Amino acid sequence: MRGPVNAQTVTAEAPSSIGNVATGFDILGHTLLGPKDRVSVRRIDEPAVRARSVTGVVLDLPMDSVRNTALRALDVLRLDRGLGFGFEIDIVKGIPLGSGMGGSAASAVAALLAANALLDSPMTVHELYPFALEGEAAASGGYHGDNVGPMLLGGLTLASRNRLIRLPVPPGLTSVLVHPHLVLETRRAREALRATYAISDFVAQSAGLAQLVVGLFTGDLDSIRAGLHDVLVEPRRAHLIPGFGNVKQAAIDAGALGASISGGGPSVFAWFQDSLTAEAATFAMRSAFADAGLDSEAFVSPVDGPGARVIS
C-alpha cells in the first residue's frame, strides 16, 4: 500500500467488476477494463465524514453515512481506528448504479484507498476489506465481497466474509460484459432469491464452483466451461432482464465458455478463451439486446483485470 502523503487531498479510482461469476454467488468476482469511479478525499479537522459533491453518470446519491457507500466505509474506518479527524469527499461516478457492474462497491473502495493514504499508519488492502464490506452493505443490505474484494486485490478474487484470495487466471482468458440501458436495483434482484431451494441445487452449484476453481488452477477449459453453469441464481433473475436468454445464447454460439448475469444484473457477461473471439462476440450479444428493445454497450477485458489505485 502507498504510504502516508503530505497532501491533504488524495484521489483514487476503482474499476468496474463482474460479481458472482455464475457459480460463485456473493463470493467470487473479477474486475474489468471499463468505467471507473473516482473519489477525492480531503482530511479535515472535524471528526466526521461528509460529501461535498457528486458528479458523473449518477448525481442523486444519498449524502449521509448510513446510505452512501463511500461515507459509510469511511465512517466505520474512522470510528474503528479512533481517528481524531475526519474526511470530506468528492465523488465522480463513472459506473452507473443498478447496472451489475459494481457501482456501489467502487465508490466505497476508491474512498477507502484515498483515505488510507492520508492515515499516519496506512493499512494493507486486506485490512481495508472489512470497511469495504461495510460500505457495500449500505447499498445491498448484505456483507458480500464479490465486488469489493476484486477491486481491492485486482483480478479474479475469492472473497469470503473474512478473507480475500486472488485466483490464477489462464493466459488469454477474456471477458465480455454487455450492459443494457436498464436499471435493476440490487435489492430488487436479491428479492428474487427469497424462496427456498432444494438441496440438490446446492450440490449442483457447489460442483460447478469446484470445477471452475480447478479449471483456473489447471488451465482446463472444459472444467471452466462446466463451472460457468449457474443453477441457483440465474434461473430466478433471468425474467428481470429482457432478452437475457437470447443474449446468453448469442454468446455461447459465438464461442463463449459460458455466460450468465453479472452481479445482480441487468448486465450479462461471458468468458472466452481469447480476446479475438471475445471481440467478435460483442455484436451478436448487443444485437440480442436490441431485439428485446434495449440499447447496450459492451466492454472487453482480461479476466485478470486491474485493481483500484491511488492516482494523485
C-alpha atoms as a PDB file:
ATOM      1  CA  MET A   1       0.000   0.000   0.000  1.00  0.00           C
ATOM      2  CA  ARG A   2       1.039   3.565  -0.618  1.00  0.00           C
ATOM      3  CA  GLY A   3       2.413   5.267   2.497  1.00  0.00           C
ATOM      4  CA  PRO A   4       1.101   8.439   4.154  1.00  0.00           C
ATOM      5  CA  VAL A   5       1.257  11.530   1.971  1.00  0.00           C
ATOM      6  CA  ASN A   6       1.893  15.146   2.824  1.00  0.00           C
ATOM      7  CA  ALA A   7      -1.033  16.455   0.771  1.00  0.00           C
ATOM      8  CA  GLN A   8      -4.370  16.930   2.497  1.00  0.00           C
ATOM      9  CA  THR A   9      -6.299  15.549  -0.502  1.00  0.00           C
ATOM     10  CA  VAL A  10      -5.797  12.194  -2.242  1.00  0.00           C
ATOM     11  CA  THR A  11      -7.693  10.825  -5.243  1.00  0.00           C
ATOM     12  CA  ALA A  12      -8.226   7.146  -6.016  1.00  0.00           C
ATOM     13  CA  GLU A  13     -10.178   5.214  -8.611  1.00  0.00           C
ATOM     14  CA  ALA A  14     -11.838   1.804  -8.589  1.00  0.00           C
ATOM     15  CA  PRO A  15     -12.768  -0.297 -11.657  1.00  0.00           C
ATOM     16  CA  SER A  16     -15.996  -1.952 -12.688  1.00  0.00           C
ATOM     17  CA  SER A  17     -16.493  -5.568 -11.700  1.00  0.00           C
ATOM     18  CA  ILE A  18     -18.385  -8.732 -12.510  1.00  0.00           C
ATOM     19  CA  GLY A  19     -19.896 -10.248  -9.380  1.00  0.00           C
ATOM     20  CA  ASN A  20     -20.855 -13.890  -8.723  1.00  0.00           C
ATOM     21  CA  VAL A  21     -19.233 -15.230 -11.946  1.00  0.00           C
ATOM     22  CA  ALA A  22     -22.074 -17.727 -12.350  1.00  0.00           C
ATOM     23  CA  THR A  23     -21.480 -20.318  -9.621  1.00  0.00           C
ATOM     24  CA  GLY A  24     -19.716 -18.066  -7.095  1.00  0.00           C
ATOM     25  CA  PHE A  25     -22.741 -16.230  -5.680  1.00  0.00           C
ATOM     26  CA  ASP A  26     -21.602 -13.463  -3.313  1.00  0.00           C
ATOM     27  CA  ILE A  27     -18.040 -14.853  -3.013  1.00  0.00           C
ATOM     28  CA  LEU A  28     -16.457 -14.704  -6.481  1.00  0.00           C
ATOM     29  CA  GLY A  29     -15.835 -11.739  -8.743  1.00  0.00           C
ATOM     30  CA  HIS A  30     -13.359 -10.105 -11.062  1.00  0.00           C
ATOM     31  CA  THR A  31     -12.559  -6.618 -12.241  1.00  0.00           C
ATOM     32  CA  LEU A  32     -12.678  -5.422 -15.813  1.00  0.00           C
ATOM     33  CA  LEU A  33     -11.422  -2.648 -18.017  1.00  0.00           C
ATOM     34  CA  GLY A  34     -14.336  -0.273 -18.345  1.00  0.00           C
ATOM     35  CA  PRO A  35     -15.989   2.561 -16.443  1.00  0.00           C
ATOM     36  CA  LYS A  36     -14.445   3.611 -13.122  1.00  0.00           C
ATOM     37  CA  ASP A  37     -15.458   5.563 -10.064  1.00  0.00           C
ATOM     38  CA  ARG A  38     -13.120   8.242  -8.803  1.00  0.00           C
ATOM     39  CA  VAL A  39     -13.167   9.667  -5.279  1.00  0.00           C
ATOM     40  CA  SER A  40     -11.126  12.545  -3.881  1.00  0.00           C
ATOM     41  CA  VAL A  41     -10.773  12.524  -0.095  1.00  0.00           C
ATOM     42  CA  ARG A  42      -9.712  15.521   1.959  1.00  0.00           C
ATOM     43  CA  ARG A  43      -8.593  15.215   5.562  1.00  0.00           C
ATOM     44  CA  ILE A  44     -10.488  17.617   7.833  1.00  0.00           C
ATOM     45  CA  ASP A  45     -10.062  18.545  11.486  1.00  0.00           C
ATOM     46  CA  GLU A  46     -13.680  17.744  12.351  1.00  0.00           C
ATOM     47  CA  PRO A  47     -14.201  14.098  13.464  1.00  0.00           C
ATOM     48  CA  ALA A  48     -16.890  13.433  10.871  1.00  0.00           C
ATOM     49  CA  VAL A  49     -17.399  12.351   7.262  1.00  0.00           C
ATOM     50  CA  ARG A  50     -19.294  14.303   4.633  1.00  0.00           C
ATOM     51  CA  ALA A  51     -19.743  14.504   0.871  1.00  0.00           C
ATOM     52  CA  ARG A  52     -19.075  17.795  -0.847  1.00  0.00           C
ATOM     53  CA  SER A  53     -20.075  16.869  -4.406  1.00  0.00           C
ATOM     54  CA  VAL A  54     -21.285  14.048  -6.637  1.00  0.00           C
ATOM     55  CA  THR A  55     -20.785  14.314 -10.385  1.00  0.00           C
ATOM     56  CA  GLY A  56     -20.669  11.981 -13.364  1.00  0.00           C
ATOM     57  CA  VAL A  57     -23.258   9.471 -14.578  1.00  0.00           C
ATOM     58  CA  VAL A  58     -25.066   9.484 -11.217  1.00  0.00           C
ATOM     59  CA  LEU A  59     -25.996  12.698  -9.409  1.00  0.00           C
ATOM     60  CA  ASP A  60     -28.592  11.718  -6.815  1.00  0.00           C
ATOM     61  CA  LEU A  61     -26.574   9.640  -4.355  1.00  0.00           C
ATOM     62  CA  PRO A  62     -27.573   9.702  -0.674  1.00  0.00           C
ATOM     63  CA  MET A  63     -25.440  12.211   1.198  1.00  0.00           C
ATOM     64  CA  ASP A  64     -25.432  10.556   4.617  1.00  0.00           C
ATOM     65  CA  SER A  65     -23.146   7.958   6.167  1.00  0.00           C
ATOM     66  CA  VAL A  66     -25.931   5.411   6.554  1.00  0.00           C
ATOM     67  CA  ARG A  67     -26.854   5.052   2.877  1.00  0.00           C
ATOM     68  CA  ASN A  68     -23.850   6.400   0.964  1.00  0.00           C
ATOM     69  CA  THR A  69     -21.398   3.542   0.438  1.00  0.00           C
ATOM     70  CA  ALA A  70     -18.264   5.700   0.429  1.00  0.00           C
ATOM     71  CA  LEU A  71     -19.262   7.683   3.502  1.00  0.00           C
ATOM     72  CA  ARG A  72     -20.299   4.593   5.415  1.00  0.00           C
ATOM     73  CA  ALA A  73     -16.984   2.872   4.706  1.00  0.00           C
ATOM     74  CA  LEU A  74     -15.037   5.927   5.857  1.00  0.00           C
ATOM     75  CA  ASP A  75     -17.166   6.475   8.932  1.00  0.00           C
ATOM     76  CA  VAL A  76     -16.691   2.891  10.125  1.00  0.00           C
ATOM     77  CA  LEU A  77     -12.966   3.229   9.419  1.00  0.00           C
ATOM     78  CA  ARG A  78     -12.816   6.469  11.403  1.00  0.00           C
ATOM     79  CA  LEU A  79     -14.612   5.002  14.392  1.00  0.00           C
ATOM     80  CA  ASP A  80     -12.702   1.717  14.339  1.00  0.00           C
ATOM     81  CA  ARG A  81      -9.345   3.437  14.218  1.00  0.00           C
ATOM     82  CA  GLY A  82     -10.305   6.060  16.785  1.00  0.00           C
ATOM     83  CA  LEU A  83      -9.291   8.893  14.481  1.00  0.00           C
ATOM     84  CA  GLY A  84      -9.411  12.413  15.833  1.00  0.00           C
ATOM     85  CA  PHE A  85     -10.031  13.798  12.355  1.00  0.00           C
ATOM     86  CA  GLY A  86     -12.465  13.154   9.544  1.00  0.00           C
ATOM     87  CA  PHE A  87     -12.883  13.182   5.780  1.00  0.00           C
ATOM     88  CA  GLU A  88     -14.670  15.206   3.134  1.00  0.00           C
ATOM     89  CA  ILE A  89     -15.141  13.594  -0.264  1.00  0.00           C
ATOM     90  CA  ASP A  90     -15.929  14.397  -3.878  1.00  0.00           C
ATOM     91  CA  ILE A  91     -17.303  11.511  -5.934  1.00  0.00           C
ATOM     92  CA  VAL A  92     -17.104  11.231  -9.707  1.00  0.00           C
ATOM     93  CA  LYS A  93     -19.368   8.376 -10.766  1.00  0.00           C
ATOM     94  CA  GLY A  94     -18.290   6.598 -13.908  1.00  0.00           C
ATOM     95  CA  ILE A  95     -20.182   3.378 -13.163  1.00  0.00           C
ATOM     96  CA  PRO A  96     -23.987   3.526 -13.321  1.00  0.00           C
ATOM     97  CA  LEU A  97     -25.911   2.173 -10.351  1.00  0.00           C
ATOM     98  CA  GLY A  98     -28.206  -0.813 -10.788  1.00  0.00           C
ATOM     99  CA  SER A  99     -26.045  -1.991 -13.689  1.00  0.00           C
ATOM    100  CA  GLY A 100     -24.477  -5.185 -12.348  1.00  0.00           C
ATOM    101  CA  MET A 101     -21.052  -3.578 -12.688  1.00  0.00           C
ATOM    102  CA  GLY A 102     -20.200  -2.958  -9.037  1.00  0.00           C
ATOM    103  CA  GLY A 103     -21.152   0.707  -8.991  1.00  0.00           C
ATOM    104  CA  SER A 104     -21.966   0.892  -5.289  1.00  0.00           C
ATOM    105  CA  ALA A 105     -18.832  -1.028  -4.331  1.00  0.00           C
ATOM    106  CA  ALA A 106     -16.471   1.071  -6.448  1.00  0.00           C
ATOM    107  CA  SER A 107     -17.235   4.319  -4.628  1.00  0.00           C
ATOM    108  CA  ALA A 108     -16.548   2.700  -1.271  1.00  0.00           C
ATOM    109  CA  VAL A 109     -13.276   1.119  -2.384  1.00  0.00           C
ATOM    110  CA  ALA A 110     -11.957   4.260  -4.065  1.00  0.00           C
ATOM    111  CA  ALA A 111     -12.813   6.322  -0.978  1.00  0.00           C
ATOM    112  CA  LEU A 112     -11.053   3.852   1.307  1.00  0.00           C
ATOM    113  CA  LEU A 113      -7.879   3.760  -0.765  1.00  0.00           C
ATOM    114  CA  ALA A 114      -7.708   7.549  -0.848  1.00  0.00           C
ATOM    115  CA  ALA A 115      -8.428   7.932   2.874  1.00  0.00           C
ATOM    116  CA  ASN A 116      -5.925   5.211   3.719  1.00  0.00           C
ATOM    117  CA  ALA A 117      -3.174   7.212   2.040  1.00  0.00           C
ATOM    118  CA  LEU A 118      -3.981  10.071   4.431  1.00  0.00           C
ATOM    119  CA  LEU A 119      -3.571   7.950   7.558  1.00  0.00           C
ATOM    120  CA  ASP A 120      -0.442   8.204   9.665  1.00  0.00           C
ATOM    121  CA  SER A 121      -0.193   4.396   9.524  1.00  0.00           C
ATOM    122  CA  PRO A 122      -1.818   3.120   6.318  1.00  0.00           C
ATOM    123  CA  MET A 123      -3.341  -0.352   6.243  1.00  0.00           C
ATOM    124  CA  THR A 124      -2.996  -3.164   3.733  1.00  0.00           C
ATOM    125  CA  VAL A 125      -5.800  -3.889   1.290  1.00  0.00           C
ATOM    126  CA  HIS A 126      -6.662  -6.973   3.333  1.00  0.00           C
ATOM    127  CA  GLU A 127      -7.072  -4.787   6.420  1.00  0.00           C
ATOM    128  CA  LEU A 128      -9.302  -2.426   4.439  1.00  0.00           C
ATOM    129  CA  TYR A 129     -11.596  -5.260   3.359  1.00  0.00           C
ATOM    130  CA  PRO A 130     -13.971  -5.195   6.387  1.00  0.00           C
ATOM    131  CA  PHE A 131     -14.566  -1.483   5.862  1.00  0.00           C
ATOM    132  CA  ALA A 132     -15.267  -2.034   2.176  1.00  0.00           C
ATOM    133  CA  LEU A 133     -17.847  -4.662   3.162  1.00  0.00           C
ATOM    134  CA  GLU A 134     -19.499  -2.119   5.434  1.00  0.00           C
ATOM    135  CA  GLY A 135     -19.708   0.313   2.555  1.00  0.00           C
ATOM    136  CA  GLU A 136     -21.194  -2.284   0.216  1.00  0.00           C
ATOM    137  CA  ALA A 137     -23.798  -3.163   2.840  1.00  0.00           C
ATOM    138  CA  ALA A 138     -25.123   0.399   2.707  1.00  0.00           C
ATOM    139  CA  ALA A 139     -26.412  -0.286  -0.815  1.00  0.00           C
ATOM    140  CA  SER A 140     -27.137  -4.008  -0.890  1.00  0.00           C
ATOM    141  CA  GLY A 141     -28.120  -4.678   2.700  1.00  0.00           C
ATOM    142  CA  GLY A 142     -25.647  -7.564   2.966  1.00  0.00           C
ATOM    143  CA  TYR A 143     -21.976  -8.228   3.614  1.00  0.00           C
ATOM    144  CA  HIS A 144     -20.741  -9.846   0.426  1.00  0.00           C
ATOM    145  CA  GLY A 145     -17.318  -9.271  -1.066  1.00  0.00           C
ATOM    146  CA  ASP A 146     -17.676 -10.408  -4.662  1.00  0.00           C
ATOM    147  CA  ASN A 147     -17.295  -6.822  -5.889  1.00  0.00           C
ATOM    148  CA  VAL A 148     -15.207  -5.013  -3.273  1.00  0.00           C
ATOM    149  CA  GLY A 149     -12.779  -7.934  -2.947  1.00  0.00           C
ATOM    150  CA  PRO A 150     -11.573  -7.996  -6.554  1.00  0.00           C
ATOM    151  CA  MET A 151     -11.481  -4.208  -6.645  1.00  0.00           C
ATOM    152  CA  LEU A 152      -9.091  -4.207  -3.695  1.00  0.00           C
ATOM    153  CA  LEU A 153      -6.855  -7.024  -4.968  1.00  0.00           C
ATOM    154  CA  GLY A 154      -7.396  -6.806  -8.704  1.00  0.00           C
ATOM    155  CA  GLY A 155      -8.171  -9.733 -10.972  1.00  0.00           C
ATOM    156  CA  LEU A 156     -10.347 -12.709 -10.050  1.00  0.00           C
ATOM    157  CA  THR A 157     -10.857 -12.965  -6.312  1.00  0.00           C
ATOM    158  CA  LEU A 158     -12.472 -15.407  -3.910  1.00  0.00           C
ATOM    159  CA  ALA A 159     -13.974 -13.257  -1.164  1.00  0.00           C
ATOM    160  CA  SER A 160     -15.234 -14.932   2.000  1.00  0.00           C
ATOM    161  CA  ARG A 161     -16.582 -12.935   4.933  1.00  0.00           C
ATOM    162  CA  ASN A 162     -13.105 -12.568   6.443  1.00  0.00           C
ATOM    163  CA  ARG A 163     -10.584 -13.374   3.715  1.00  0.00           C
ATOM    164  CA  LEU A 164      -9.557 -12.468   0.182  1.00  0.00           C
ATOM    165  CA  ILE A 165      -7.729 -14.853  -2.177  1.00  0.00           C
ATOM    166  CA  ARG A 166      -6.674 -13.820  -5.671  1.00  0.00           C
ATOM    167  CA  LEU A 167      -7.135 -16.764  -8.019  1.00  0.00           C
ATOM    168  CA  PRO A 168      -4.946 -17.664 -11.012  1.00  0.00           C
ATOM    169  CA  VAL A 169      -6.305 -16.946 -14.474  1.00  0.00           C
ATOM    170  CA  PRO A 170      -5.204 -18.933 -17.554  1.00  0.00           C
ATOM    171  CA  PRO A 171      -3.410 -16.783 -20.145  1.00  0.00           C
ATOM    172  CA  GLY A 172      -5.696 -15.147 -22.662  1.00  0.00           C
ATOM    173  CA  LEU A 173      -8.945 -15.695 -20.741  1.00  0.00           C
ATOM    174  CA  THR A 174     -11.139 -12.738 -21.684  1.00  0.00           C
ATOM    175  CA  SER A 175     -14.498 -11.446 -20.544  1.00  0.00           C
ATOM    176  CA  VAL A 176     -17.203  -9.562 -22.365  1.00  0.00           C
ATOM    177  CA  LEU A 177     -19.709  -7.557 -20.381  1.00  0.00           C
ATOM    178  CA  VAL A 178     -22.728  -6.154 -22.183  1.00  0.00           C
ATOM    179  CA  HIS A 179     -24.603  -3.502 -20.257  1.00  0.00           C
ATOM    180  CA  PRO A 180     -28.161  -2.809 -21.458  1.00  0.00           C
ATOM    181  CA  HIS A 181     -29.559   0.640 -20.782  1.00  0.00           C
ATOM    182  CA  LEU A 182     -31.760  -0.581 -17.984  1.00  0.00           C
ATOM    183  CA  VAL A 183     -31.612  -0.131 -14.214  1.00  0.00           C
ATOM    184  CA  LEU A 184     -32.076  -3.161 -11.973  1.00  0.00           C
ATOM    185  CA  GLU A 185     -31.661  -2.288  -8.312  1.00  0.00           C
ATOM    186  CA  THR A 186     -29.574  -4.727  -6.281  1.00  0.00           C
ATOM    187  CA  ARG A 187     -32.193  -5.063  -3.560  1.00  0.00           C
ATOM    188  CA  ARG A 188     -34.856  -5.989  -6.133  1.00  0.00           C
ATOM    189  CA  ALA A 189     -32.553  -8.572  -7.682  1.00  0.00           C
ATOM    190  CA  ARG A 190     -31.937 -10.108  -4.264  1.00  0.00           C
ATOM    191  CA  GLU A 191     -35.665 -10.249  -3.544  1.00  0.00           C
ATOM    192  CA  ALA A 192     -35.999 -12.708  -6.433  1.00  0.00           C
ATOM    193  CA  LEU A 193     -33.945 -15.212  -4.419  1.00  0.00           C
ATOM    194  CA  ARG A 194     -36.081 -15.330  -1.286  1.00  0.00           C
ATOM    195  CA  ALA A 195     -37.898 -18.625  -1.933  1.00  0.00           C
ATOM    196  CA  THR A 196     -36.414 -21.877  -0.634  1.00  0.00           C
ATOM    197  CA  TYR A 197     -34.011 -24.037  -2.650  1.00  0.00           C
ATOM    198  CA  ALA A 198     -33.650 -27.783  -2.973  1.00  0.00           C
ATOM    199  CA  ILE A 199     -30.527 -29.374  -1.502  1.00  0.00           C
ATOM    200  CA  SER A 200     -29.846 -30.923  -4.904  1.00  0.00           C
ATOM    201  CA  ASP A 201     -29.497 -27.429  -6.386  1.00  0.00           C
ATOM    202  CA  PHE A 202     -26.849 -26.537  -3.814  1.00  0.00           C
ATOM    203  CA  VAL A 203     -24.972 -29.732  -4.601  1.00  0.00           C
ATOM    204  CA  ALA A 204     -25.003 -28.928  -8.318  1.00  0.00           C
ATOM    205  CA  GLN A 205     -23.878 -25.352  -7.690  1.00  0.00           C
ATOM    206  CA  SER A 206     -21.075 -26.468  -5.382  1.00  0.00           C
ATOM    207  CA  ALA A 207     -19.894 -28.942  -8.001  1.00  0.00           C
ATOM    208  CA  GLY A 208     -19.855 -26.173 -10.577  1.00  0.00           C
ATOM    209  CA  LEU A 209     -17.866 -23.805  -8.375  1.00  0.00           C
ATOM    210  CA  ALA A 210     -15.362 -26.568  -7.577  1.00  0.00           C
ATOM    211  CA  GLN A 211     -14.884 -27.316 -11.272  1.00  0.00           C
ATOM    212  CA  LEU A 212     -14.414 -23.636 -12.023  1.00  0.00           C
ATOM    213  CA  VAL A 213     -11.692 -23.254  -9.390  1.00  0.00           C
ATOM    214  CA  VAL A 214      -9.959 -26.454 -10.527  1.00  0.00           C
ATOM    215  CA  GLY A 215     -10.065 -25.217 -14.113  1.00  0.00           C
ATOM    216  CA  LEU A 216      -8.497 -21.918 -13.135  1.00  0.00           C
ATOM    217  CA  PHE A 217      -5.607 -23.615 -11.361  1.00  0.00           C
ATOM    218  CA  THR A 218      -5.024 -26.236 -14.052  1.00  0.00           C
ATOM    219  CA  GLY A 219      -5.911 -24.258 -17.164  1.00  0.00           C
ATOM    220  CA  ASP A 220      -8.509 -26.895 -18.089  1.00  0.00           C
ATOM    221  CA  LEU A 221     -11.034 -25.027 -20.250  1.00  0.00           C
ATOM    222  CA  ASP A 222     -13.556 -27.878 -20.131  1.00  0.00           C
ATOM    223  CA  SER A 223     -13.574 -27.631 -16.345  1.00  0.00           C
ATOM    224  CA  ILE A 224     -14.029 -23.857 -16.553  1.00  0.00           C
ATOM    225  CA  ARG A 225     -16.882 -24.350 -19.015  1.00  0.00           C
ATOM    226  CA  ALA A 226     -18.614 -26.758 -16.625  1.00  0.00           C
ATOM    227  CA  GLY A 227     -18.112 -24.284 -13.798  1.00  0.00           C
ATOM    228  CA  LEU A 228     -19.952 -21.427 -15.501  1.00  0.00           C
ATOM    229  CA  HIS A 229     -23.389 -23.044 -15.211  1.00  0.00           C
ATOM    230  CA  ASP A 230     -25.472 -21.298 -12.543  1.00  0.00           C
ATOM    231  CA  VAL A 231     -28.451 -23.344 -11.328  1.00  0.00           C
ATOM    232  CA  LEU A 232     -29.268 -21.249  -8.250  1.00  0.00           C
ATOM    233  CA  VAL A 233     -29.424 -17.554  -9.091  1.00  0.00           C
ATOM    234  CA  GLU A 234     -29.689 -17.160 -12.844  1.00  0.00           C
ATOM    235  CA  PRO A 235     -32.997 -19.047 -13.206  1.00  0.00           C
ATOM    236  CA  ARG A 236     -34.669 -16.752 -10.677  1.00  0.00           C
ATOM    237  CA  ARG A 237     -33.310 -13.494 -12.060  1.00  0.00           C
ATOM    238  CA  ALA A 238     -33.444 -14.144 -15.790  1.00  0.00           C
ATOM    239  CA  HIS A 239     -37.010 -12.836 -16.118  1.00  0.00           C
ATOM    240  CA  LEU A 240     -35.888  -9.441 -14.773  1.00  0.00           C
ATOM    241  CA  ILE A 241     -33.664  -8.911 -17.837  1.00  0.00           C
ATOM    242  CA  PRO A 242     -35.464  -8.580 -21.193  1.00  0.00           C
ATOM    243  CA  GLY A 243     -33.822 -10.747 -23.818  1.00  0.00           C
ATOM    244  CA  PHE A 244     -31.458 -12.437 -21.373  1.00  0.00           C
ATOM    245  CA  GLY A 245     -31.856 -15.943 -22.796  1.00  0.00           C
ATOM    246  CA  ASN A 246     -31.095 -14.791 -26.320  1.00  0.00           C
ATOM    247  CA  VAL A 247     -28.109 -12.712 -25.211  1.00  0.00           C
ATOM    248  CA  LYS A 248     -26.658 -15.698 -23.369  1.00  0.00           C
ATOM    249  CA  GLN A 249     -27.258 -17.989 -26.344  1.00  0.00           C
ATOM    250  CA  ALA A 250     -25.640 -15.459 -28.679  1.00  0.00           C
ATOM    251  CA  ALA A 251     -22.514 -15.559 -26.520  1.00  0.00           C
ATOM    252  CA  ILE A 252     -22.430 -19.366 -26.491  1.00  0.00           C
ATOM    253  CA  ASP A 253     -22.965 -19.534 -30.247  1.00  0.00           C
ATOM    254  CA  ALA A 254     -20.062 -17.104 -30.670  1.00  0.00           C
ATOM    255  CA  GLY A 255     -17.706 -19.407 -28.774  1.00  0.00           C
ATOM    256  CA  ALA A 256     -18.114 -18.440 -25.125  1.00  0.00           C
ATOM    257  CA  LEU A 257     -17.025 -20.913 -22.464  1.00  0.00           C
ATOM    258  CA  GLY A 258     -20.061 -19.760 -20.517  1.00  0.00           C
ATOM    259  CA  ALA A 259     -22.263 -16.748 -19.865  1.00  0.00           C
ATOM    260  CA  SER A 260     -24.509 -15.523 -17.081  1.00  0.00           C
ATOM    261  CA  ILE A 261     -25.762 -12.459 -15.216  1.00  0.00           C
ATOM    262  CA  SER A 262     -23.157 -10.041 -13.899  1.00  0.00           C
ATOM    263  CA  GLY A 263     -23.848  -9.392 -10.226  1.00  0.00           C
ATOM    264  CA  GLY A 264     -27.495  -8.521  -9.712  1.00  0.00           C
ATOM    265  CA  GLY A 265     -27.892  -7.625 -13.400  1.00  0.00           C
ATOM    266  CA  PRO A 266     -29.012  -6.450 -15.844  1.00  0.00           C
ATOM    267  CA  SER A 267     -25.546  -6.698 -17.422  1.00  0.00           C
ATOM    268  CA  VAL A 268     -24.623 -10.043 -18.958  1.00  0.00           C
ATOM    269  CA  PHE A 269     -21.080 -11.386 -19.035  1.00  0.00           C
ATOM    270  CA  ALA A 270     -19.368 -14.141 -20.965  1.00  0.00           C
ATOM    271  CA  TRP A 271     -15.906 -15.705 -20.790  1.00  0.00           C
ATOM    272  CA  PHE A 272     -13.883 -16.515 -23.886  1.00  0.00           C
ATOM    273  CA  GLN A 273     -10.650 -18.387 -24.497  1.00  0.00           C
ATOM    274  CA  ASP A 274      -9.043 -15.391 -26.218  1.00  0.00           C
ATOM    275  CA  SER A 275      -9.594 -11.711 -26.912  1.00  0.00           C
ATOM    276  CA  LEU A 276     -10.235 -12.069 -30.646  1.00  0.00           C
ATOM    277  CA  THR A 277     -13.170 -14.412 -30.073  1.00  0.00           C
ATOM    278  CA  ALA A 278     -14.444 -12.111 -27.340  1.00  0.00           C
ATOM    279  CA  GLU A 279     -14.307  -9.020 -29.542  1.00  0.00           C
ATOM    280  CA  ALA A 280     -16.167 -10.814 -32.311  1.00  0.00           C
ATOM    281  CA  ALA A 281     -18.963 -11.879 -29.953  1.00  0.00           C
ATOM    282  CA  THR A 282     -19.931  -8.376 -28.804  1.00  0.00           C
ATOM    283  CA  PHE A 283     -22.003  -7.607 -31.906  1.00  0.00           C
ATOM    284  CA  ALA A 284     -24.173 -10.704 -31.533  1.00  0.00           C
ATOM    285  CA  MET A 285     -24.733 -10.101 -27.817  1.00  0.00           C
ATOM    286  CA  ARG A 286     -25.661  -6.460 -28.335  1.00  0.00           C
ATOM    287  CA  SER A 287     -27.920  -7.399 -31.246  1.00  0.00           C
ATOM    288  CA  ALA A 288     -29.823  -9.789 -28.990  1.00  0.00           C
ATOM    289  CA  PHE A 289     -30.465  -6.972 -26.527  1.00  0.00           C
ATOM    290  CA  ALA A 290     -31.517  -4.726 -29.413  1.00  0.00           C
ATOM    291  CA  ASP A 291     -34.052  -7.353 -30.465  1.00  0.00           C
ATOM    292  CA  ALA A 292     -35.505  -7.021 -26.954  1.00  0.00           C
ATOM    293  CA  GLY A 293     -35.751  -3.247 -27.402  1.00  0.00           C
ATOM    294  CA  LEU A 294     -32.679  -2.302 -25.369  1.00  0.00           C
ATOM    295  CA  ASP A 295     -29.672  -0.272 -26.411  1.00  0.00           C
ATOM    296  CA  SER A 296     -26.456  -1.527 -24.845  1.00  0.00           C
ATOM    297  CA  GLU A 297     -22.710  -1.088 -24.670  1.00  0.00           C
ATOM    298  CA  ALA A 298     -20.025  -3.743 -24.476  1.00  0.00           C
ATOM    299  CA  PHE A 299     -16.721  -3.914 -22.621  1.00  0.00           C
ATOM    300  CA  VAL A 300     -13.993  -6.432 -23.441  1.00  0.00           C
ATOM    301  CA  SER A 301     -11.416  -7.071 -20.745  1.00  0.00           C
ATOM    302  CA  PRO A 302      -8.923  -9.624 -19.480  1.00  0.00           C
ATOM    303  CA  VAL A 303     -10.495 -11.646 -16.682  1.00  0.00           C
ATOM    304  CA  ASP A 304      -7.354 -10.784 -14.737  1.00  0.00           C
ATOM    305  CA  GLY A 305      -8.324  -7.119 -14.654  1.00  0.00           C
ATOM    306  CA  PRO A 306      -6.941  -4.059 -12.841  1.00  0.00           C
ATOM    307  CA  GLY A 307      -7.366  -3.213  -9.182  1.00  0.00           C
ATOM    308  CA  ALA A 308      -8.242   0.068  -7.507  1.00  0.00           C
ATOM    309  CA  ARG A 309      -5.375   2.524  -7.181  1.00  0.00           C
ATOM    310  CA  VAL A 310      -4.366   5.919  -5.872  1.00  0.00           C
ATOM    311  CA  ILE A 311      -3.864   8.261  -8.811  1.00  0.00           C
ATOM    312  CA  SER A 312      -2.937  11.571  -7.156  1.00  0.00           C
END
